[in-house]
């Protein structure tokens, strides 16, 4: 197949790995440790897909200093990694899909709200890092999703026009970020149901990567 002439930009949590429930449970434990209450609906509406600084400010209901963000983020993420480590695995079909993209000459990037510690845990734990031309994490941007900065930065780094980029996302905030960046979005129904994702503007909704081919993605670009 000739060069597909588009870039594939992947969120990490809920896309490369199907781990939403583990992040939810980690946030619930974190809140409980701090004597705070948090519900699943609050998590979905205000935390999922957002950078830690914004999530912590919401949970703690107060501004959080940069120093606090570092300490509290690592506290929460340590809980998450302990919960998820025995279950760490790629989303079904991911490896074959990444291999197909690579064979087609597609540029690939990760654009994640996760901290670097989780990026290493996931990408190195599953030996995924070599697939990607660049990785943009929360430490490299000023504005978190739904701001488009993270995906615009990824597109710039892979040298592909935003209009020829396809974003793979599971979270409402991430889908909005991709759309605001002027990109096509494919939504994974890992964190939200297909019904919940239906009116969010994604060009395509899939359950996992077994339902997708490079040709289908190419057809979205035209």
N, C-alpha and C. Protein backbone atom coordinates (compact mmCIF):
# COMPACT_ATOMS: atom_id res chain seq x y z
N UNK A 1 0.85 -1.20 0.00
CA UNK A 1 0.00 0.00 0.00
C UNK A 1 0.88 1.25 0.00
N UNK A 2 0.61 2.25 -0.81
CA UNK A 2 1.42 3.46 -0.82
C UNK A 2 1.27 4.25 0.45
N UNK A 3 2.16 5.21 0.64
CA UNK A 3 2.09 6.07 1.82
C UNK A 3 0.68 6.63 1.98
N UNK A 4 0.11 6.43 3.17
CA UNK A 4 -1.29 6.81 3.40
C UNK A 4 -1.48 8.31 3.55
N UNK A 5 -0.38 9.04 3.73
CA UNK A 5 -0.43 10.50 3.75
C UNK A 5 -1.38 11.08 4.81
N UNK A 6 -1.40 10.46 5.95
CA UNK A 6 -2.09 11.06 7.09
C UNK A 6 -1.33 10.68 8.35
N UNK A 7 -1.66 11.33 9.46
CA UNK A 7 -1.05 11.00 10.74
C UNK A 7 -2.11 10.46 11.68
N UNK A 8 -1.74 9.50 12.49
CA UNK A 8 -2.63 8.91 13.48
C UNK A 8 -2.16 9.35 14.86
N UNK A 9 -3.03 10.07 15.56
CA UNK A 9 -2.69 10.63 16.87
C UNK A 9 -3.54 9.92 17.93
N UNK A 10 -2.89 9.26 18.85
CA UNK A 10 -3.58 8.42 19.82
C UNK A 10 -3.57 9.02 21.22
N UNK A 11 -4.73 9.13 21.83
CA UNK A 11 -4.78 9.26 23.27
C UNK A 11 -4.23 7.95 23.85
N UNK A 12 -3.88 7.94 25.13
CA UNK A 12 -3.32 6.72 25.71
C UNK A 12 -4.36 5.95 26.53
N UNK A 13 -4.79 6.54 27.65
CA UNK A 13 -5.72 5.85 28.54
C UNK A 13 -7.08 5.72 27.87
N UNK A 14 -7.61 4.49 27.84
CA UNK A 14 -8.89 4.25 27.19
C UNK A 14 -8.80 4.04 25.70
N UNK A 15 -7.58 4.17 25.15
CA UNK A 15 -7.38 3.99 23.71
C UNK A 15 -6.31 2.92 23.47
N UNK A 16 -5.07 3.21 23.84
CA UNK A 16 -4.03 2.19 23.72
C UNK A 16 -4.27 1.06 24.72
N UNK A 17 -4.84 1.41 25.86
CA UNK A 17 -5.22 0.44 26.88
C UNK A 17 -6.63 0.75 27.35
N UNK A 18 -7.35 -0.29 27.73
CA UNK A 18 -8.74 -0.14 28.18
C UNK A 18 -8.75 -0.18 29.71
N UNK A 19 -8.50 0.99 30.32
CA UNK A 19 -8.22 1.04 31.75
C UNK A 19 -9.10 2.03 32.52
N UNK A 20 -10.21 2.43 31.94
CA UNK A 20 -11.02 3.49 32.55
C UNK A 20 -11.46 3.15 33.97
N UNK A 21 -11.88 1.91 34.19
CA UNK A 21 -12.37 1.54 35.51
C UNK A 21 -11.27 1.63 36.57
N UNK A 22 -10.03 1.38 36.17
CA UNK A 22 -8.93 1.43 37.12
C UNK A 22 -8.61 2.87 37.51
N UNK A 23 -8.69 3.78 36.54
CA UNK A 23 -8.50 5.20 36.88
C UNK A 23 -9.64 5.70 37.77
N UNK A 24 -10.86 5.30 37.44
CA UNK A 24 -12.00 5.69 38.28
C UNK A 24 -11.80 5.22 39.71
N UNK A 25 -11.45 3.95 39.89
CA UNK A 25 -11.27 3.41 41.24
C UNK A 25 -10.10 4.08 41.96
N UNK A 26 -9.06 4.43 41.22
CA UNK A 26 -7.93 5.12 41.84
C UNK A 26 -8.33 6.51 42.34
N UNK A 27 -9.12 7.23 41.53
CA UNK A 27 -9.60 8.55 41.95
C UNK A 27 -10.53 8.44 43.16
N UNK A 28 -11.38 7.41 43.17
CA UNK A 28 -12.27 7.23 44.32
C UNK A 28 -11.47 6.95 45.59
N UNK A 29 -10.44 6.12 45.48
CA UNK A 29 -9.58 5.84 46.63
C UNK A 29 -8.82 7.09 47.07
N UNK A 30 -8.32 7.83 46.09
CA UNK A 30 -7.58 9.07 46.40
C UNK A 30 -8.47 10.04 47.16
N UNK A 31 -9.69 10.24 46.67
CA UNK A 31 -10.62 11.16 47.33
C UNK A 31 -10.92 10.69 48.75
N UNK A 32 -11.14 9.40 48.90
CA UNK A 32 -11.43 8.85 50.22
C UNK A 32 -10.27 9.07 51.18
N UNK A 33 -9.05 8.88 50.70
CA UNK A 33 -7.86 9.09 51.54
C UNK A 33 -7.79 10.52 52.06
N UNK A 34 -8.35 11.45 51.27
CA UNK A 34 -8.30 12.86 51.65
C UNK A 34 -9.61 13.33 52.29
N UNK A 35 -10.45 12.37 52.66
CA UNK A 35 -11.70 12.71 53.33
C UNK A 35 -12.71 13.41 52.46
N UNK A 36 -12.65 13.14 51.15
CA UNK A 36 -13.54 13.81 50.20
C UNK A 36 -14.44 12.78 49.53
N UNK A 37 -15.54 13.26 48.98
CA UNK A 37 -16.45 12.37 48.26
C UNK A 37 -16.34 12.63 46.76
N UNK A 38 -16.51 11.56 46.00
CA UNK A 38 -16.45 11.65 44.55
C UNK A 38 -17.32 10.55 43.98
N UNK A 39 -18.12 10.88 42.98
CA UNK A 39 -18.99 9.89 42.36
C UNK A 39 -18.48 9.56 40.96
N UNK A 40 -19.00 8.46 40.41
CA UNK A 40 -18.63 8.08 39.05
C UNK A 40 -19.05 9.16 38.06
N UNK A 41 -20.24 9.71 38.23
CA UNK A 41 -20.70 10.75 37.31
C UNK A 41 -19.80 11.98 37.36
N UNK A 42 -19.37 12.36 38.56
CA UNK A 42 -18.46 13.50 38.70
C UNK A 42 -17.13 13.20 38.00
N UNK A 43 -16.67 11.97 38.14
CA UNK A 43 -15.43 11.57 37.48
C UNK A 43 -15.57 11.71 35.96
N UNK A 44 -16.65 11.18 35.42
CA UNK A 44 -16.86 11.22 33.97
C UNK A 44 -16.99 12.65 33.45
N UNK A 45 -17.65 13.50 34.21
CA UNK A 45 -17.93 14.86 33.75
C UNK A 45 -16.75 15.82 33.94
N UNK A 46 -15.95 15.61 34.97
CA UNK A 46 -14.96 16.63 35.34
C UNK A 46 -13.51 16.15 35.41
N UNK A 47 -13.28 14.85 35.33
CA UNK A 47 -11.92 14.34 35.52
C UNK A 47 -11.43 13.56 34.31
N UNK A 48 -12.24 12.64 33.81
CA UNK A 48 -11.81 11.78 32.71
C UNK A 48 -11.37 12.61 31.50
N UNK A 49 -10.12 12.37 31.06
CA UNK A 49 -9.60 13.07 29.88
C UNK A 49 -8.96 14.40 30.17
N UNK A 50 -9.04 14.88 31.42
CA UNK A 50 -8.47 16.17 31.77
C UNK A 50 -7.09 16.01 32.41
N UNK A 51 -6.28 17.07 32.35
CA UNK A 51 -4.97 17.02 32.99
C UNK A 51 -5.13 17.05 34.51
N UNK A 52 -4.10 16.56 35.20
CA UNK A 52 -4.17 16.40 36.65
C UNK A 52 -4.44 17.71 37.39
N UNK A 53 -3.84 18.79 36.94
CA UNK A 53 -4.02 20.08 37.64
C UNK A 53 -5.50 20.46 37.69
N UNK A 54 -6.19 20.29 36.57
CA UNK A 54 -7.62 20.62 36.54
C UNK A 54 -8.44 19.62 37.36
N UNK A 55 -8.09 18.34 37.27
CA UNK A 55 -8.81 17.31 38.01
C UNK A 55 -8.65 17.49 39.51
N UNK A 56 -7.44 17.77 39.94
CA UNK A 56 -7.18 17.95 41.37
C UNK A 56 -7.92 19.16 41.92
N UNK A 57 -7.92 20.24 41.16
CA UNK A 57 -8.63 21.44 41.60
C UNK A 57 -10.11 21.16 41.76
N UNK A 58 -10.65 20.32 40.87
CA UNK A 58 -12.07 19.97 40.98
C UNK A 58 -12.31 19.10 42.22
N UNK A 59 -11.51 18.08 42.41
CA UNK A 59 -11.72 17.16 43.54
C UNK A 59 -11.52 17.86 44.87
N UNK A 60 -10.48 18.68 44.96
CA UNK A 60 -10.16 19.36 46.22
C UNK A 60 -10.98 20.62 46.42
N UNK A 61 -11.64 21.08 45.33
CA UNK A 61 -12.47 22.29 45.37
C UNK A 61 -11.70 23.53 45.81
N UNK A 62 -10.48 23.62 45.32
CA UNK A 62 -9.64 24.79 45.62
C UNK A 62 -8.50 24.84 44.61
N UNK A 63 -7.88 26.01 44.46
CA UNK A 63 -6.70 26.07 43.59
C UNK A 63 -5.59 25.18 44.13
N UNK A 64 -4.82 24.60 43.23
CA UNK A 64 -3.74 23.70 43.61
C UNK A 64 -2.43 24.27 43.08
N UNK A 65 -1.44 24.39 43.94
CA UNK A 65 -0.15 24.95 43.52
C UNK A 65 0.60 23.94 42.64
N UNK A 66 1.53 24.41 41.81
CA UNK A 66 2.32 23.49 40.99
C UNK A 66 3.03 22.42 41.81
N UNK A 67 3.53 22.79 42.98
CA UNK A 67 4.21 21.81 43.83
C UNK A 67 3.24 20.74 44.31
N UNK A 68 2.03 21.17 44.67
CA UNK A 68 1.01 20.21 45.10
C UNK A 68 0.60 19.29 43.97
N UNK A 69 0.51 19.84 42.77
CA UNK A 69 0.12 19.03 41.62
C UNK A 69 1.09 17.86 41.44
N UNK A 70 2.38 18.13 41.56
CA UNK A 70 3.38 17.08 41.39
C UNK A 70 3.21 15.98 42.43
N UNK A 71 3.06 16.38 43.69
CA UNK A 71 2.98 15.39 44.78
C UNK A 71 1.67 14.62 44.72
N UNK A 72 0.56 15.34 44.58
CA UNK A 72 -0.75 14.70 44.62
C UNK A 72 -1.02 13.85 43.37
N UNK A 73 -0.52 14.31 42.22
CA UNK A 73 -0.66 13.51 41.01
C UNK A 73 0.03 12.18 41.17
N UNK A 74 1.25 12.21 41.69
CA UNK A 74 1.98 10.95 41.83
C UNK A 74 1.33 10.05 42.87
N UNK A 75 0.73 10.65 43.89
CA UNK A 75 0.00 9.85 44.88
C UNK A 75 -1.14 9.09 44.22
N UNK A 76 -1.93 9.82 43.44
CA UNK A 76 -3.06 9.18 42.77
C UNK A 76 -2.59 8.17 41.74
N UNK A 77 -1.57 8.52 40.95
CA UNK A 77 -1.13 7.62 39.89
C UNK A 77 -0.47 6.36 40.45
N UNK A 78 0.15 6.45 41.60
CA UNK A 78 0.71 5.26 42.24
C UNK A 78 -0.40 4.28 42.61
N UNK A 79 -1.53 4.82 43.07
CA UNK A 79 -2.69 3.97 43.37
C UNK A 79 -3.16 3.29 42.09
N UNK A 80 -3.27 4.08 41.02
CA UNK A 80 -3.72 3.53 39.73
C UNK A 80 -2.79 2.43 39.24
N UNK A 81 -1.50 2.68 39.25
CA UNK A 81 -0.56 1.69 38.71
C UNK A 81 -0.59 0.40 39.53
N UNK A 82 -0.76 0.52 40.83
CA UNK A 82 -0.86 -0.67 41.67
C UNK A 82 -2.10 -1.49 41.32
N UNK A 83 -3.20 -0.78 41.04
CA UNK A 83 -4.45 -1.46 40.68
C UNK A 83 -4.36 -2.12 39.30
N UNK A 84 -3.75 -1.40 38.35
CA UNK A 84 -3.80 -1.85 36.95
C UNK A 84 -2.64 -2.76 36.55
N UNK A 85 -1.52 -2.72 37.25
CA UNK A 85 -0.32 -3.46 36.84
C UNK A 85 -0.62 -4.93 36.50
N UNK A 86 -1.39 -5.66 37.31
CA UNK A 86 -1.64 -7.07 36.97
C UNK A 86 -2.50 -7.26 35.71
N UNK A 87 -3.13 -6.18 35.24
CA UNK A 87 -4.06 -6.28 34.12
C UNK A 87 -3.56 -5.57 32.86
N UNK A 88 -2.35 -5.04 32.90
CA UNK A 88 -1.81 -4.23 31.80
C UNK A 88 -1.77 -5.03 30.50
N UNK A 89 -2.50 -4.56 29.51
CA UNK A 89 -2.50 -5.18 28.19
C UNK A 89 -3.03 -4.18 27.17
N UNK A 90 -2.63 -4.32 25.91
CA UNK A 90 -3.12 -3.40 24.87
C UNK A 90 -4.58 -3.66 24.56
N UNK A 91 -5.27 -2.64 24.09
CA UNK A 91 -6.64 -2.77 23.61
C UNK A 91 -6.68 -3.82 22.48
N UNK A 92 -7.69 -4.67 22.44
CA UNK A 92 -7.75 -5.69 21.39
C UNK A 92 -7.56 -5.12 19.99
N UNK A 93 -6.69 -5.77 19.23
CA UNK A 93 -6.43 -5.36 17.85
C UNK A 93 -5.40 -4.26 17.70
N UNK A 94 -4.94 -3.67 18.80
CA UNK A 94 -4.05 -2.50 18.70
C UNK A 94 -2.75 -2.83 17.98
N UNK A 95 -2.07 -3.88 18.38
CA UNK A 95 -0.74 -4.17 17.84
C UNK A 95 -0.82 -4.40 16.33
N UNK A 96 -1.78 -5.19 15.89
CA UNK A 96 -1.93 -5.44 14.46
C UNK A 96 -2.25 -4.15 13.71
N UNK A 97 -3.05 -3.28 14.31
CA UNK A 97 -3.39 -2.01 13.67
C UNK A 97 -2.16 -1.10 13.60
N UNK A 98 -1.39 -1.02 14.67
CA UNK A 98 -0.16 -0.22 14.65
C UNK A 98 0.83 -0.76 13.62
N UNK A 99 0.94 -2.07 13.53
CA UNK A 99 1.82 -2.67 12.51
C UNK A 99 1.37 -2.29 11.11
N UNK A 100 0.06 -2.29 10.89
CA UNK A 100 -0.48 -1.94 9.57
C UNK A 100 -0.22 -0.47 9.25
N UNK A 101 -0.40 0.40 10.23
CA UNK A 101 -0.12 1.82 10.04
C UNK A 101 1.36 2.03 9.71
N UNK A 102 2.21 1.36 10.44
CA UNK A 102 3.65 1.50 10.22
C UNK A 102 4.03 1.04 8.83
N UNK A 103 3.47 -0.09 8.40
CA UNK A 103 3.75 -0.62 7.07
C UNK A 103 3.27 0.32 5.97
N UNK A 104 2.22 1.09 6.27
CA UNK A 104 1.67 2.04 5.30
C UNK A 104 2.40 3.38 5.31
N UNK A 105 3.38 3.53 6.17
CA UNK A 105 4.13 4.77 6.22
C UNK A 105 3.42 5.90 6.93
N UNK A 106 2.45 5.56 7.78
CA UNK A 106 1.69 6.58 8.51
C UNK A 106 2.50 7.07 9.71
N UNK A 107 2.57 8.38 9.87
CA UNK A 107 3.21 8.96 11.04
C UNK A 107 2.28 8.78 12.24
N UNK A 108 2.86 8.49 13.40
CA UNK A 108 2.05 8.21 14.58
C UNK A 108 2.57 8.96 15.79
N UNK A 109 1.63 9.39 16.65
CA UNK A 109 1.98 10.12 17.86
C UNK A 109 1.02 9.75 18.98
N UNK A 110 1.47 9.96 20.20
CA UNK A 110 0.61 9.86 21.38
C UNK A 110 0.39 11.26 21.92
N UNK A 111 -0.85 11.61 22.22
CA UNK A 111 -1.18 12.88 22.85
C UNK A 111 -2.01 12.60 24.09
N UNK A 112 -1.38 12.62 25.25
CA UNK A 112 -2.05 12.15 26.46
C UNK A 112 -2.01 13.17 27.59
N UNK A 113 -3.08 13.21 28.37
CA UNK A 113 -3.13 14.05 29.56
C UNK A 113 -2.41 13.41 30.74
N UNK A 114 -1.91 12.20 30.55
CA UNK A 114 -1.26 11.48 31.64
C UNK A 114 0.12 12.06 31.95
N UNK A 115 0.58 11.88 33.19
CA UNK A 115 1.94 12.30 33.54
C UNK A 115 2.96 11.34 32.96
N UNK A 116 4.22 11.77 32.93
CA UNK A 116 5.28 10.97 32.31
C UNK A 116 5.43 9.61 32.98
N UNK A 117 5.19 9.54 34.29
CA UNK A 117 5.34 8.26 34.99
C UNK A 117 4.38 7.21 34.44
N UNK A 118 3.17 7.62 34.10
CA UNK A 118 2.21 6.69 33.52
C UNK A 118 2.51 6.39 32.06
N UNK A 119 3.05 7.37 31.35
CA UNK A 119 3.45 7.13 29.97
C UNK A 119 4.50 6.02 29.91
N UNK A 120 5.50 6.12 30.78
CA UNK A 120 6.51 5.08 30.83
C UNK A 120 5.94 3.73 31.24
N UNK A 121 5.08 3.75 32.24
CA UNK A 121 4.43 2.53 32.73
C UNK A 121 3.71 1.82 31.60
N UNK A 122 3.02 2.57 30.76
CA UNK A 122 2.21 1.98 29.69
C UNK A 122 3.03 1.66 28.45
N UNK A 123 3.69 2.66 27.89
CA UNK A 123 4.37 2.47 26.62
C UNK A 123 5.56 1.53 26.73
N UNK A 124 6.30 1.62 27.82
CA UNK A 124 7.44 0.73 28.00
C UNK A 124 7.00 -0.63 28.54
N UNK A 125 5.96 -0.62 29.39
CA UNK A 125 5.45 -1.88 29.91
C UNK A 125 4.90 -2.78 28.82
N UNK A 126 4.39 -2.18 27.75
CA UNK A 126 3.83 -2.94 26.63
C UNK A 126 4.70 -2.89 25.37
N UNK A 127 5.88 -2.28 25.48
CA UNK A 127 6.81 -2.16 24.36
C UNK A 127 6.17 -1.46 23.16
N UNK A 128 5.39 -0.39 23.44
CA UNK A 128 4.71 0.35 22.38
C UNK A 128 5.50 1.57 21.90
N UNK A 129 6.43 2.05 22.68
CA UNK A 129 7.11 3.31 22.36
C UNK A 129 7.71 3.36 20.96
N UNK A 130 8.34 2.26 20.47
CA UNK A 130 8.96 2.33 19.14
C UNK A 130 7.99 2.61 17.99
N UNK A 131 6.71 2.39 18.20
CA UNK A 131 5.75 2.66 17.13
C UNK A 131 5.57 4.15 16.86
N UNK A 132 5.85 4.99 17.85
CA UNK A 132 5.43 6.39 17.77
C UNK A 132 6.59 7.32 17.43
N UNK A 133 6.30 8.26 16.53
CA UNK A 133 7.30 9.24 16.11
C UNK A 133 7.50 10.32 17.16
N UNK A 134 6.47 10.59 17.94
CA UNK A 134 6.59 11.57 19.02
C UNK A 134 5.54 11.27 20.08
N UNK A 135 5.82 11.73 21.29
CA UNK A 135 4.89 11.56 22.41
C UNK A 135 4.75 12.91 23.09
N UNK A 136 3.51 13.37 23.23
CA UNK A 136 3.22 14.64 23.90
C UNK A 136 2.42 14.31 25.17
N UNK A 137 3.00 14.63 26.33
CA UNK A 137 2.29 14.35 27.57
C UNK A 137 1.94 15.66 28.28
N UNK A 138 1.33 15.53 29.45
CA UNK A 138 0.80 16.70 30.15
C UNK A 138 1.86 17.74 30.49
N UNK A 139 3.11 17.30 30.66
CA UNK A 139 4.17 18.23 31.05
C UNK A 139 4.61 19.14 29.91
N UNK A 140 4.19 18.85 28.70
CA UNK A 140 4.67 19.56 27.52
C UNK A 140 3.72 20.61 26.99
N UNK A 141 2.58 20.78 27.66
CA UNK A 141 1.57 21.72 27.17
C UNK A 141 1.13 22.66 28.28
N UNK A 142 0.53 23.77 27.87
CA UNK A 142 0.04 24.75 28.83
C UNK A 142 -1.44 24.54 29.14
N UNK A 143 -2.19 24.10 28.15
CA UNK A 143 -3.64 23.95 28.30
C UNK A 143 -4.05 22.52 28.01
N UNK A 144 -4.77 21.91 28.96
CA UNK A 144 -5.19 20.53 28.78
C UNK A 144 -6.44 20.42 27.92
N UNK A 145 -6.74 19.19 27.52
CA UNK A 145 -7.98 18.91 26.81
C UNK A 145 -9.16 19.40 27.64
N UNK A 146 -10.20 20.00 27.06
CA UNK A 146 -10.56 19.99 25.63
C UNK A 146 -9.87 21.04 24.76
N UNK A 147 -8.91 21.80 25.31
CA UNK A 147 -8.14 22.69 24.45
C UNK A 147 -7.40 21.85 23.41
N UNK A 148 -7.29 22.31 22.18
CA UNK A 148 -6.66 21.51 21.12
C UNK A 148 -5.13 21.50 21.16
N UNK A 149 -4.51 22.19 22.11
CA UNK A 149 -3.06 22.36 22.09
C UNK A 149 -2.30 21.04 21.96
N UNK A 150 -2.72 20.04 22.70
CA UNK A 150 -1.95 18.78 22.73
C UNK A 150 -1.92 18.11 21.36
N UNK A 151 -3.04 18.15 20.64
CA UNK A 151 -3.07 17.51 19.33
C UNK A 151 -2.44 18.38 18.25
N UNK A 152 -2.56 19.69 18.38
CA UNK A 152 -1.88 20.58 17.45
C UNK A 152 -0.36 20.45 17.61
N UNK A 153 0.09 20.29 18.84
CA UNK A 153 1.52 20.08 19.10
C UNK A 153 1.98 18.77 18.49
N UNK A 154 1.20 17.72 18.66
CA UNK A 154 1.55 16.41 18.09
C UNK A 154 1.62 16.48 16.57
N UNK A 155 0.64 17.16 15.95
CA UNK A 155 0.63 17.29 14.50
C UNK A 155 1.86 18.04 14.00
N UNK A 156 2.21 19.10 14.71
CA UNK A 156 3.40 19.88 14.34
C UNK A 156 4.65 19.02 14.43
N UNK A 157 4.73 18.21 15.46
CA UNK A 157 5.92 17.38 15.67
C UNK A 157 6.07 16.28 14.62
N UNK A 158 4.95 15.77 14.12
CA UNK A 158 5.05 14.75 13.07
C UNK A 158 5.05 15.35 11.68
N UNK A 159 4.86 16.67 11.59
CA UNK A 159 4.95 17.37 10.32
C UNK A 159 3.79 17.12 9.38
N UNK A 160 2.58 16.95 9.95
CA UNK A 160 1.40 16.69 9.14
C UNK A 160 0.34 17.75 9.44
N UNK A 161 -0.28 18.28 8.40
CA UNK A 161 -1.32 19.29 8.58
C UNK A 161 -2.45 18.74 9.44
N UNK A 162 -2.99 19.54 10.36
CA UNK A 162 -4.08 19.06 11.22
C UNK A 162 -5.25 18.45 10.46
N UNK A 163 -5.57 18.99 9.29
CA UNK A 163 -6.70 18.49 8.51
C UNK A 163 -6.46 17.07 8.00
N UNK A 164 -5.19 16.62 8.01
CA UNK A 164 -4.86 15.27 7.57
C UNK A 164 -4.43 14.40 8.76
N UNK A 165 -4.93 14.75 9.94
CA UNK A 165 -4.67 13.96 11.14
C UNK A 165 -5.97 13.30 11.61
N UNK A 166 -5.83 12.09 12.11
CA UNK A 166 -6.96 11.37 12.71
C UNK A 166 -6.63 11.13 14.17
N UNK A 167 -7.52 11.56 15.04
CA UNK A 167 -7.36 11.41 16.48
C UNK A 167 -8.17 10.22 16.96
N UNK A 168 -7.56 9.39 17.79
CA UNK A 168 -8.24 8.26 18.41
C UNK A 168 -8.46 8.59 19.88
N UNK A 169 -9.73 8.69 20.28
CA UNK A 169 -10.07 9.16 21.62
C UNK A 169 -11.21 8.35 22.23
N UNK A 170 -11.26 8.38 23.56
CA UNK A 170 -12.39 7.76 24.27
C UNK A 170 -13.15 8.76 25.12
N UNK A 171 -12.52 9.87 25.49
CA UNK A 171 -13.10 10.82 26.44
C UNK A 171 -13.75 12.00 25.72
N UNK A 172 -14.81 12.53 26.31
CA UNK A 172 -15.48 13.68 25.72
C UNK A 172 -14.51 14.85 25.52
N UNK A 173 -13.69 15.11 26.54
CA UNK A 173 -12.75 16.23 26.46
C UNK A 173 -11.76 16.03 25.32
N UNK A 174 -11.31 14.80 25.13
CA UNK A 174 -10.35 14.51 24.07
C UNK A 174 -10.96 14.59 22.70
N UNK A 175 -12.20 14.10 22.56
CA UNK A 175 -12.90 14.22 21.28
C UNK A 175 -13.05 15.68 20.91
N UNK A 176 -13.45 16.50 21.87
CA UNK A 176 -13.60 17.94 21.61
C UNK A 176 -12.26 18.57 21.23
N UNK A 177 -11.20 18.14 21.89
CA UNK A 177 -9.86 18.68 21.58
C UNK A 177 -9.48 18.36 20.13
N UNK A 178 -9.74 17.12 19.70
CA UNK A 178 -9.43 16.75 18.33
C UNK A 178 -10.24 17.54 17.31
N UNK A 179 -11.52 17.70 17.59
CA UNK A 179 -12.38 18.45 16.68
C UNK A 179 -11.97 19.92 16.62
N UNK A 180 -11.66 20.49 17.78
CA UNK A 180 -11.23 21.90 17.81
C UNK A 180 -9.89 22.11 17.12
N UNK A 181 -9.11 21.04 17.01
CA UNK A 181 -7.83 21.11 16.28
C UNK A 181 -8.05 21.00 14.78
N UNK A 182 -9.31 20.78 14.35
CA UNK A 182 -9.60 20.64 12.93
C UNK A 182 -9.27 19.27 12.38
N UNK A 183 -9.31 18.26 13.24
CA UNK A 183 -8.93 16.91 12.85
C UNK A 183 -10.15 15.99 12.80
N UNK A 184 -9.98 14.87 12.13
CA UNK A 184 -10.98 13.81 12.17
C UNK A 184 -10.81 13.04 13.48
N UNK A 185 -11.91 12.55 14.02
CA UNK A 185 -11.85 11.82 15.30
C UNK A 185 -12.54 10.48 15.16
N UNK A 186 -11.85 9.44 15.62
CA UNK A 186 -12.45 8.12 15.77
C UNK A 186 -12.56 7.85 17.26
N UNK A 187 -13.78 7.57 17.72
CA UNK A 187 -14.03 7.38 19.15
C UNK A 187 -14.07 5.90 19.49
N UNK A 188 -13.44 5.55 20.61
CA UNK A 188 -13.51 4.19 21.11
C UNK A 188 -14.52 4.12 22.25
N UNK A 189 -15.41 3.14 22.17
CA UNK A 189 -16.45 2.98 23.19
C UNK A 189 -15.92 2.13 24.34
N UNK A 190 -14.87 2.62 24.98
CA UNK A 190 -14.27 1.94 26.13
C UNK A 190 -14.74 2.58 27.43
N UNK A 191 -14.67 3.90 27.48
CA UNK A 191 -15.07 4.63 28.68
C UNK A 191 -16.54 4.99 28.66
N UNK A 192 -17.03 5.35 27.47
CA UNK A 192 -18.44 5.71 27.28
C UNK A 192 -19.09 4.71 26.33
N UNK A 193 -20.40 4.61 26.39
CA UNK A 193 -21.14 3.74 25.48
C UNK A 193 -21.23 4.38 24.10
N UNK A 194 -21.57 3.57 23.13
CA UNK A 194 -21.79 4.09 21.78
C UNK A 194 -22.88 5.15 21.78
N UNK A 195 -23.92 4.94 22.56
CA UNK A 195 -25.01 5.91 22.63
C UNK A 195 -24.52 7.25 23.19
N UNK A 196 -23.68 7.19 24.21
CA UNK A 196 -23.14 8.42 24.81
C UNK A 196 -22.21 9.15 23.85
N UNK A 197 -21.54 8.40 22.99
CA UNK A 197 -20.59 9.00 22.04
C UNK A 197 -21.26 9.48 20.76
N UNK A 198 -22.51 9.07 20.54
CA UNK A 198 -23.15 9.26 19.24
C UNK A 198 -23.25 10.71 18.78
N UNK A 199 -23.42 11.64 19.71
CA UNK A 199 -23.63 13.04 19.32
C UNK A 199 -22.43 13.92 19.63
N UNK A 200 -21.24 13.31 19.70
CA UNK A 200 -20.05 14.07 20.08
C UNK A 200 -19.21 14.52 18.90
N UNK A 201 -19.62 14.15 17.69
CA UNK A 201 -18.93 14.66 16.50
C UNK A 201 -17.87 13.76 15.91
N UNK A 202 -17.69 12.57 16.46
CA UNK A 202 -16.70 11.64 15.90
C UNK A 202 -17.15 11.13 14.55
N UNK A 203 -16.20 10.92 13.65
CA UNK A 203 -16.51 10.41 12.32
C UNK A 203 -16.88 8.93 12.36
N UNK A 204 -16.36 8.23 13.37
CA UNK A 204 -16.56 6.80 13.46
C UNK A 204 -16.47 6.40 14.93
N UNK A 205 -17.26 5.41 15.34
CA UNK A 205 -17.19 4.87 16.70
C UNK A 205 -16.88 3.39 16.59
N UNK A 206 -15.87 2.93 17.33
CA UNK A 206 -15.49 1.52 17.33
C UNK A 206 -15.41 1.03 18.77
N UNK A 207 -15.52 -0.29 18.92
CA UNK A 207 -15.36 -0.88 20.25
C UNK A 207 -13.89 -1.12 20.56
N UNK A 208 -13.14 -1.51 19.54
CA UNK A 208 -11.69 -1.71 19.68
C UNK A 208 -11.10 -1.73 18.28
N UNK A 209 -9.79 -1.99 18.18
CA UNK A 209 -9.10 -1.86 16.90
C UNK A 209 -9.29 -3.07 15.99
N UNK A 210 -9.93 -4.11 16.47
CA UNK A 210 -10.24 -5.24 15.58
C UNK A 210 -11.28 -4.83 14.55
N UNK A 211 -11.98 -3.73 14.79
CA UNK A 211 -13.05 -3.27 13.90
C UNK A 211 -12.58 -2.20 12.91
N UNK A 212 -11.26 -2.04 12.75
CA UNK A 212 -10.76 -0.92 11.96
C UNK A 212 -9.60 -1.36 11.06
N UNK A 213 -9.56 -0.80 9.85
CA UNK A 213 -8.44 -1.02 8.94
C UNK A 213 -7.82 0.33 8.56
N UNK A 214 -6.61 0.28 8.07
CA UNK A 214 -5.94 1.49 7.59
C UNK A 214 -6.74 2.12 6.46
N UNK A 215 -7.30 1.29 5.60
CA UNK A 215 -8.08 1.79 4.47
C UNK A 215 -9.30 2.58 4.94
N UNK A 216 -9.94 2.12 5.99
CA UNK A 216 -11.09 2.84 6.53
C UNK A 216 -10.69 4.22 7.03
N UNK A 217 -9.55 4.27 7.69
CA UNK A 217 -9.07 5.57 8.20
C UNK A 217 -8.69 6.48 7.04
N UNK A 218 -8.02 5.92 6.04
CA UNK A 218 -7.65 6.69 4.86
C UNK A 218 -8.88 7.29 4.19
N UNK A 219 -9.96 6.53 4.14
CA UNK A 219 -11.19 6.99 3.50
C UNK A 219 -11.80 8.19 4.23
N UNK A 220 -11.57 8.29 5.53
CA UNK A 220 -12.08 9.45 6.28
C UNK A 220 -11.38 10.73 5.82
N UNK A 221 -10.10 10.59 5.50
CA UNK A 221 -9.31 11.77 5.08
C UNK A 221 -9.69 12.17 3.66
N UNK A 222 -9.92 11.16 2.80
CA UNK A 222 -10.25 11.44 1.42
C UNK A 222 -9.02 11.54 0.53
